[in-house]
Amino acid sequence: MKIDVLGAGAWGTALAIAAARHPDGHRVRLLVRDPAQAMTMRSERCNLRYLPQTSFPDRLEVDLLGADARPASAADDADLRVVATPMAGLRGVLRALAPTRSPVIWLCKGFEQPLGPPDAVAHGRLGHEIAAEVAPELPAGVLSGPSFAQEVARGLPAALVAASPDPRVRQAALAAFHGPQLRIYGSEDIVGVEVGGAVKNVLAIATGVADGLALGGNARAALITRGLAEMTRLGVALGARAETFRGLSGLGDLVLTATGDLSRNRRVGLLLAQGQTLEQAVASLGHVAEGVYTARTAVQRARALGVEMPISEGVVALIEGRATPQAVLATLMSRDPKEEA
């Protein structure tokens, strides 16, 4: 296959490396906008900023990303395009790719930030909703699941789910990435896979706070379990299947992000519990922590649907400076008792 990866952050680079190592001999282009970054990556044969320890395979090329979201200096002949931009860039890339007919998958997780007043939800879209607006004929989907970029780049085992209502997209993702170190499952439930990938980052902030307050393993297990319940409620209200949240993009990604030491969102929670401001916590990461930007939009959409998300509500109160970690905990523990089901 000929595979283009648009964006050279940690996760885009890691998947480009994984595809270029595939035993089927894929040709992979990693496309970047900055000419200086492209030159450095070509000469060093690695991504010094995000994955400095991992060398590029021979079949991985670096090229410039043109204004039309295609290679600036090569034939536009990709069999699969992988969008590895932040969520804020997805709309523009999909609009540019709308005339193409090759399958497209995106890696970004979260909701597009609302455009308008604080209570607006009209533009707090998931990826598939953005695609339906700007590129409805494009064969497109999402690749998600429990995956730290550093581990995938090193060739450690992982499993992901490719979600799309279009079987051509699922098959293209499987052909591109399924191999000895990376297992790819397919799903038609793009709504559930995207909700899981978005909300787990918010819940990871909550578990980071609990760990930072030294509340113990019992509290962490409770937060993960009840967080999964509210993630599922939101997903089902948006049209997802409940069983999707028991899979890789729900429970799997939540467990990894809420407990793993490489999790940026968990790290934000740890730092908030230690008394740092949100600005200090985010600045110390050097990377985007998606849960910070997802929390408000997830809660706004839940409110509009009449869905209760008390843990996510607590995270919003914390990052907005309206409550301390201890106050959020007290609010959660003082909720009225109810049946678990």
Protein backbone atom coordinates (compact mmCIF):
# COMPACT_ATOMS: atom_id res chain seq x y z
CA MET A 1 0.00 0.00 0.00
CA LYS A 2 0.86 3.66 -0.37
CA ILE A 3 0.03 5.42 2.87
CA ASP A 4 0.17 9.14 3.67
CA VAL A 5 0.23 10.27 7.32
CA LEU A 6 -0.73 13.93 7.65
CA GLY A 7 0.92 15.36 10.75
CA ALA A 8 4.11 14.43 12.59
CA GLY A 9 3.16 14.52 16.24
CA ALA A 10 4.00 11.57 18.46
CA TRP A 11 1.04 9.39 17.49
CA GLY A 12 1.14 10.15 13.77
CA THR A 13 4.87 9.44 13.69
CA ALA A 14 4.46 6.21 15.66
CA LEU A 15 1.81 4.87 13.28
CA ALA A 16 3.86 5.89 10.26
CA ILE A 17 6.77 3.91 11.70
CA ALA A 18 4.51 0.92 12.38
CA ALA A 19 3.12 0.96 8.83
CA ALA A 20 6.59 1.29 7.30
CA ARG A 21 7.73 -1.81 9.24
CA HIS A 22 4.79 -3.86 7.97
CA PRO A 23 5.84 -7.16 6.39
CA ASP A 24 3.79 -6.38 3.28
CA GLY A 25 6.26 -3.63 2.37
CA HIS A 26 4.07 -0.54 2.50
CA ARG A 27 5.47 2.75 1.25
CA VAL A 28 4.73 5.45 3.83
CA ARG A 29 5.00 9.23 3.57
CA LEU A 30 4.99 11.33 6.73
CA LEU A 31 3.75 14.79 5.71
CA VAL A 32 4.68 17.93 7.67
CA ARG A 33 3.95 21.62 7.09
CA ASP A 34 7.21 23.08 8.39
CA PRO A 35 10.08 22.88 5.85
CA ALA A 36 12.70 23.12 8.61
CA GLN A 37 11.10 20.24 10.51
CA ALA A 38 10.96 18.17 7.32
CA MET A 39 14.64 18.82 6.62
CA THR A 40 15.64 17.83 10.16
CA MET A 41 13.59 14.65 10.08
CA ARG A 42 15.08 13.67 6.73
CA SER A 43 18.65 14.21 7.91
CA GLU A 44 18.24 12.69 11.40
CA ARG A 45 15.86 9.91 10.30
CA CYS A 46 13.80 10.35 13.45
CA ASN A 47 11.36 12.77 15.08
CA LEU A 48 13.67 14.52 17.53
CA ARG A 49 10.85 16.38 19.29
CA TYR A 50 8.42 13.55 19.99
CA LEU A 51 10.15 10.19 19.46
CA PRO A 52 13.90 10.83 19.53
CA GLN A 53 14.75 7.25 20.50
CA THR A 54 13.15 5.61 17.43
CA SER A 55 14.78 5.63 14.00
CA PHE A 56 12.68 5.75 10.85
CA PRO A 57 12.47 2.53 8.79
CA ASP A 58 13.88 2.71 5.27
CA ARG A 59 10.39 2.71 3.71
CA LEU A 60 9.35 5.85 5.61
CA GLU A 61 9.73 9.06 3.59
CA VAL A 62 9.27 12.63 4.83
CA ASP A 63 7.55 15.16 2.58
CA LEU A 64 5.93 18.56 2.87
CA LEU A 65 2.17 18.83 3.33
CA GLY A 66 0.60 21.02 0.67
CA ALA A 67 -2.24 23.46 1.17
CA ASP A 68 -4.62 20.89 -0.32
CA ALA A 69 -3.65 18.34 2.39
CA ARG A 70 -1.66 16.31 -0.12
CA PRO A 71 2.09 15.90 -0.71
CA ALA A 72 3.67 19.07 -2.02
CA SER A 73 6.29 17.36 -4.14
CA ALA A 74 5.01 13.88 -4.99
CA ALA A 75 2.27 12.20 -6.97
CA ASP A 76 -1.08 12.11 -5.19
CA ASP A 77 -1.47 8.33 -5.31
CA ALA A 78 -2.15 7.27 -1.73
CA ASP A 79 -4.26 4.19 -1.02
CA LEU A 80 -4.95 5.45 2.51
CA ARG A 81 -4.63 8.82 4.18
CA VAL A 82 -4.19 9.04 7.95
CA VAL A 83 -5.04 12.40 9.51
CA ALA A 84 -2.83 12.88 12.58
CA THR A 85 -3.58 16.53 13.30
CA PRO A 86 -5.13 17.83 16.54
CA MET A 87 -8.94 17.89 16.54
CA ALA A 88 -8.85 21.62 15.80
CA GLY A 89 -7.30 20.88 12.40
CA LEU A 90 -9.57 18.04 11.33
CA ARG A 91 -12.30 20.15 9.72
CA GLY A 92 -9.89 21.94 7.38
CA VAL A 93 -8.10 18.75 6.36
CA LEU A 94 -11.32 16.87 5.63
CA ARG A 95 -12.65 19.80 3.62
CA ALA A 96 -9.46 19.79 1.54
CA LEU A 97 -9.68 16.01 1.02
CA ALA A 98 -13.38 16.02 0.14
CA PRO A 99 -12.79 15.65 -3.65
CA THR A 100 -10.63 12.54 -3.19
CA ARG A 101 -11.97 8.99 -3.11
CA SER A 102 -9.20 7.14 -1.28
CA PRO A 103 -10.13 6.08 2.27
CA VAL A 104 -9.28 8.50 5.08
CA ILE A 105 -8.97 7.75 8.78
CA TRP A 106 -8.27 10.22 11.57
CA LEU A 107 -6.44 9.62 14.84
CA CYS A 108 -7.57 12.68 16.81
CA LYS A 109 -9.75 12.10 19.87
CA GLY A 110 -12.16 14.58 21.36
CA PHE A 111 -14.76 17.14 20.42
CA GLU A 112 -14.18 20.11 18.15
CA GLN A 113 -14.20 23.21 20.30
CA PRO A 114 -17.50 25.14 20.17
CA LEU A 115 -17.59 28.38 18.20
CA GLY A 116 -19.79 30.87 20.03
CA PRO A 117 -20.93 31.58 23.58
CA PRO A 118 -19.86 29.27 26.43
CA ASP A 119 -23.17 27.38 26.38
CA ALA A 120 -23.11 26.74 22.61
CA VAL A 121 -22.90 23.12 21.49
CA ALA A 122 -23.69 23.54 17.79
CA HIS A 123 -20.05 23.18 16.81
CA GLY A 124 -18.86 20.83 19.56
CA ARG A 125 -18.63 18.03 17.01
CA LEU A 126 -17.07 14.61 17.01
CA GLY A 127 -14.97 13.68 14.00
CA HIS A 128 -17.69 11.79 12.14
CA GLU A 129 -20.04 14.75 12.57
CA ILE A 130 -17.44 17.07 11.07
CA ALA A 131 -16.97 14.69 8.14
CA ALA A 132 -20.72 14.58 7.53
CA GLU A 133 -20.76 18.38 7.29
CA VAL A 134 -17.73 19.08 5.10
CA ALA A 135 -17.03 15.82 3.20
CA PRO A 136 -20.16 13.64 3.22
CA GLU A 137 -19.06 11.53 0.23
CA LEU A 138 -15.55 10.86 1.57
CA PRO A 139 -14.96 7.23 2.68
CA ALA A 140 -13.78 7.99 6.19
CA GLY A 141 -13.46 6.67 9.72
CA VAL A 142 -11.42 6.73 12.91
CA LEU A 143 -8.58 4.60 14.30
CA SER A 144 -8.62 4.52 18.10
CA GLY A 145 -7.91 2.38 21.14
CA PRO A 146 -5.44 1.94 24.01
CA SER A 147 -2.09 3.04 22.61
CA PHE A 148 0.87 5.02 23.87
CA ALA A 149 2.88 6.34 20.91
CA GLN A 150 6.24 5.48 22.46
CA GLU A 151 5.30 1.82 22.84
CA VAL A 152 3.88 1.45 19.33
CA ALA A 153 6.98 3.13 17.87
CA ARG A 154 9.15 0.63 19.73
CA GLY A 155 7.19 -2.26 18.24
CA LEU A 156 5.56 -3.39 21.49
CA PRO A 157 2.23 -5.24 21.09
CA ALA A 158 -0.98 -3.20 20.89
CA ALA A 159 -4.54 -3.51 19.59
CA LEU A 160 -6.68 -0.80 17.99
CA VAL A 161 -10.13 -0.51 16.47
CA ALA A 162 -10.88 0.97 13.04
CA ALA A 163 -14.43 2.30 13.02
CA SER A 164 -16.44 3.34 9.99
CA PRO A 165 -19.82 2.52 8.47
CA ASP A 166 -17.90 2.00 5.20
CA PRO A 167 -16.28 -1.47 4.98
CA ARG A 168 -13.69 -0.13 2.52
CA VAL A 169 -12.29 2.12 5.22
CA ARG A 170 -12.12 -0.65 7.79
CA GLN A 171 -10.41 -2.96 5.30
CA ALA A 172 -7.87 -0.29 4.32
CA ALA A 173 -6.93 0.32 7.95
CA LEU A 174 -6.56 -3.40 8.56
CA ALA A 175 -4.38 -3.86 5.48
CA ALA A 176 -2.21 -0.88 6.46
CA PHE A 177 -1.54 -1.68 10.10
CA HIS A 178 -2.54 -5.21 11.09
CA GLY A 179 0.63 -7.22 11.62
CA PRO A 180 2.85 -9.03 14.11
CA GLN A 181 2.97 -6.15 16.63
CA LEU A 182 -0.30 -4.34 15.95
CA ARG A 183 -3.72 -5.99 15.90
CA ILE A 184 -6.59 -4.12 14.23
CA TYR A 185 -10.26 -4.84 14.91
CA GLY A 186 -13.11 -3.42 12.86
CA SER A 187 -16.30 -1.74 14.03
CA GLU A 188 -19.25 -0.09 12.33
CA ASP A 189 -19.97 1.93 15.49
CA ILE A 190 -18.01 5.08 14.76
CA VAL A 191 -20.10 7.05 17.29
CA GLY A 192 -19.22 4.76 20.18
CA VAL A 193 -15.55 4.55 19.26
CA GLU A 194 -15.27 8.35 19.08
CA VAL A 195 -17.16 8.99 22.32
CA GLY A 196 -14.92 6.49 24.12
CA GLY A 197 -11.78 8.10 22.74
CA ALA A 198 -12.94 11.55 23.78
CA VAL A 199 -14.40 10.99 27.25
CA LYS A 200 -11.66 8.68 28.53
CA ASN A 201 -9.29 11.65 28.54
CA VAL A 202 -11.60 13.58 30.86
CA LEU A 203 -11.92 10.62 33.19
CA ALA A 204 -8.13 10.17 33.23
CA ILE A 205 -7.82 13.66 34.70
CA ALA A 206 -10.19 12.57 37.48
CA THR A 207 -8.21 9.42 38.26
CA GLY A 208 -5.00 11.45 38.23
CA VAL A 209 -6.50 13.76 40.84
CA ALA A 210 -7.47 10.76 42.98
CA ASP A 211 -3.96 9.32 42.72
CA GLY A 212 -2.45 12.72 43.47
CA LEU A 213 -4.53 12.90 46.65
CA ALA A 214 -3.36 9.36 47.56
CA LEU A 215 -6.95 8.11 47.76
CA GLY A 216 -5.89 4.54 47.00
CA GLY A 217 -6.71 1.76 44.60
CA ASN A 218 -10.32 1.48 45.72
CA ALA A 219 -11.05 5.06 44.68
CA ARG A 220 -9.28 4.60 41.35
CA ALA A 221 -11.31 1.47 40.58
CA ALA A 222 -14.55 3.24 41.49
CA LEU A 223 -13.75 6.22 39.28
CA ILE A 224 -12.87 4.02 36.30
CA THR A 225 -16.00 1.90 36.69
CA ARG A 226 -18.44 4.76 37.25
CA GLY A 227 -16.64 6.80 34.59
CA LEU A 228 -17.26 3.99 32.13
CA ALA A 229 -20.95 4.15 33.06
CA GLU A 230 -21.24 7.87 32.29
CA MET A 231 -19.22 7.50 29.10
CA THR A 232 -21.67 4.80 28.01
CA ARG A 233 -24.71 6.94 28.87
CA LEU A 234 -23.46 9.79 26.70
CA GLY A 235 -22.53 7.48 23.85
CA VAL A 236 -25.88 5.70 23.79
CA ALA A 237 -27.69 9.06 23.86
CA LEU A 238 -25.67 10.07 20.78
CA GLY A 239 -26.57 6.85 18.96
CA ALA A 240 -23.76 4.46 19.93
CA ARG A 241 -24.06 0.82 20.91
CA ALA A 242 -23.59 0.12 24.61
CA GLU A 243 -21.37 -2.92 23.93
CA THR A 244 -18.80 -0.75 22.16
CA PHE A 245 -17.80 0.73 25.51
CA ARG A 246 -16.79 -2.69 26.80
CA GLY A 247 -14.22 -2.88 24.00
CA LEU A 248 -10.86 -1.38 23.08
CA SER A 249 -12.00 2.20 22.53
CA GLY A 250 -14.05 2.28 25.74
CA LEU A 251 -12.85 0.21 28.67
CA GLY A 252 -9.48 -0.56 27.10
CA ASP A 253 -8.50 3.04 26.36
CA LEU A 254 -9.96 4.25 29.66
CA VAL A 255 -7.91 1.81 31.74
CA LEU A 256 -4.69 2.67 29.91
CA THR A 257 -5.17 6.44 30.04
CA ALA A 258 -6.39 6.48 33.64
CA THR A 259 -3.57 4.34 35.04
CA GLY A 260 -0.57 4.57 32.68
CA ASP A 261 2.45 6.64 33.62
CA LEU A 262 2.74 7.90 30.02
CA SER A 263 -0.77 9.40 30.12
CA ARG A 264 -0.71 13.19 29.73
CA ASN A 265 -4.27 13.56 30.99
CA ARG A 266 -3.58 11.55 34.13
CA ARG A 267 -0.49 13.71 34.66
CA VAL A 268 -2.65 16.86 34.55
CA GLY A 269 -4.81 15.43 37.32
CA LEU A 270 -1.77 14.54 39.41
CA LEU A 271 -0.42 18.08 39.11
CA LEU A 272 -3.78 19.69 39.92
CA ALA A 273 -3.98 17.56 43.06
CA GLN A 274 -0.53 18.83 44.03
CA GLY A 275 -1.80 22.41 43.94
CA GLN A 276 -0.63 23.54 40.52
CA THR A 277 -2.90 25.73 38.42
CA LEU A 278 -4.26 24.38 35.17
CA GLU A 279 -1.93 26.67 33.23
CA GLN A 280 1.10 25.39 35.15
CA ALA A 281 0.06 21.77 34.72
CA VAL A 282 -0.50 22.05 30.97
CA ALA A 283 2.70 24.07 30.43
CA SER A 284 4.78 21.42 32.17
CA LEU A 285 3.66 18.68 29.77
CA GLY A 286 5.03 20.03 26.51
CA HIS A 287 2.20 18.15 24.72
CA VAL A 288 -1.54 18.58 24.32
CA ALA A 289 -3.71 17.04 27.08
CA GLU A 290 -6.93 16.51 25.15
CA GLY A 291 -9.10 16.03 28.23
CA VAL A 292 -8.66 19.67 29.24
CA TYR A 293 -10.31 20.84 26.02
CA THR A 294 -12.80 17.98 25.78
CA ALA A 295 -14.29 18.21 29.27
CA ARG A 296 -16.44 21.31 28.79
CA THR A 297 -17.83 20.23 25.43
CA ALA A 298 -18.58 16.70 26.62
CA VAL A 299 -20.49 18.10 29.60
CA GLN A 300 -22.33 20.63 27.42
CA ARG A 301 -23.49 17.93 25.03
CA ALA A 302 -24.51 15.70 27.93
CA ARG A 303 -26.58 18.48 29.47
CA ALA A 304 -28.32 19.13 26.16
CA LEU A 305 -29.27 15.44 26.03
CA GLY A 306 -30.28 15.21 29.69
CA VAL A 307 -27.40 12.82 30.48
CA GLU A 308 -25.81 12.79 33.93
CA MET A 309 -21.98 12.90 33.95
CA PRO A 310 -21.03 13.77 37.56
CA ILE A 311 -17.35 12.85 37.30
CA SER A 312 -16.90 14.90 34.13
CA GLU A 313 -18.84 17.75 35.75
CA GLY A 314 -16.37 17.63 38.62
CA VAL A 315 -13.42 17.80 36.24
CA VAL A 316 -14.92 20.89 34.58
CA ALA A 317 -15.41 22.58 37.94
CA LEU A 318 -11.80 21.80 38.80
CA ILE A 319 -10.21 23.04 35.57
CA GLU A 320 -12.35 26.19 35.64
CA GLY A 321 -11.15 26.94 39.17
CA ARG A 322 -14.65 26.72 40.68
CA ALA A 323 -13.76 23.89 43.08
CA THR A 324 -10.76 22.31 44.75
CA PRO A 325 -9.96 18.62 44.30
CA GLN A 326 -11.20 17.99 47.83
CA ALA A 327 -14.49 19.79 47.12
CA VAL A 328 -15.05 17.78 43.95
CA LEU A 329 -14.47 14.57 45.89
CA ALA A 330 -16.92 15.66 48.60
CA THR A 331 -19.57 16.43 45.98
CA LEU A 332 -19.20 13.03 44.32
CA MET A 333 -19.31 11.14 47.63
CA SER A 334 -22.38 13.03 48.85
CA ARG A 335 -24.57 12.14 45.86
CA ASP A 336 -27.78 10.31 46.71
CA PRO A 337 -27.55 6.50 46.69
CA LYS A 338 -28.94 4.71 43.64
CA GLU A 339 -29.16 1.31 41.95
CA GLU A 340 -26.02 0.53 39.99
CA ALA A 341 -27.95 -0.62 36.93
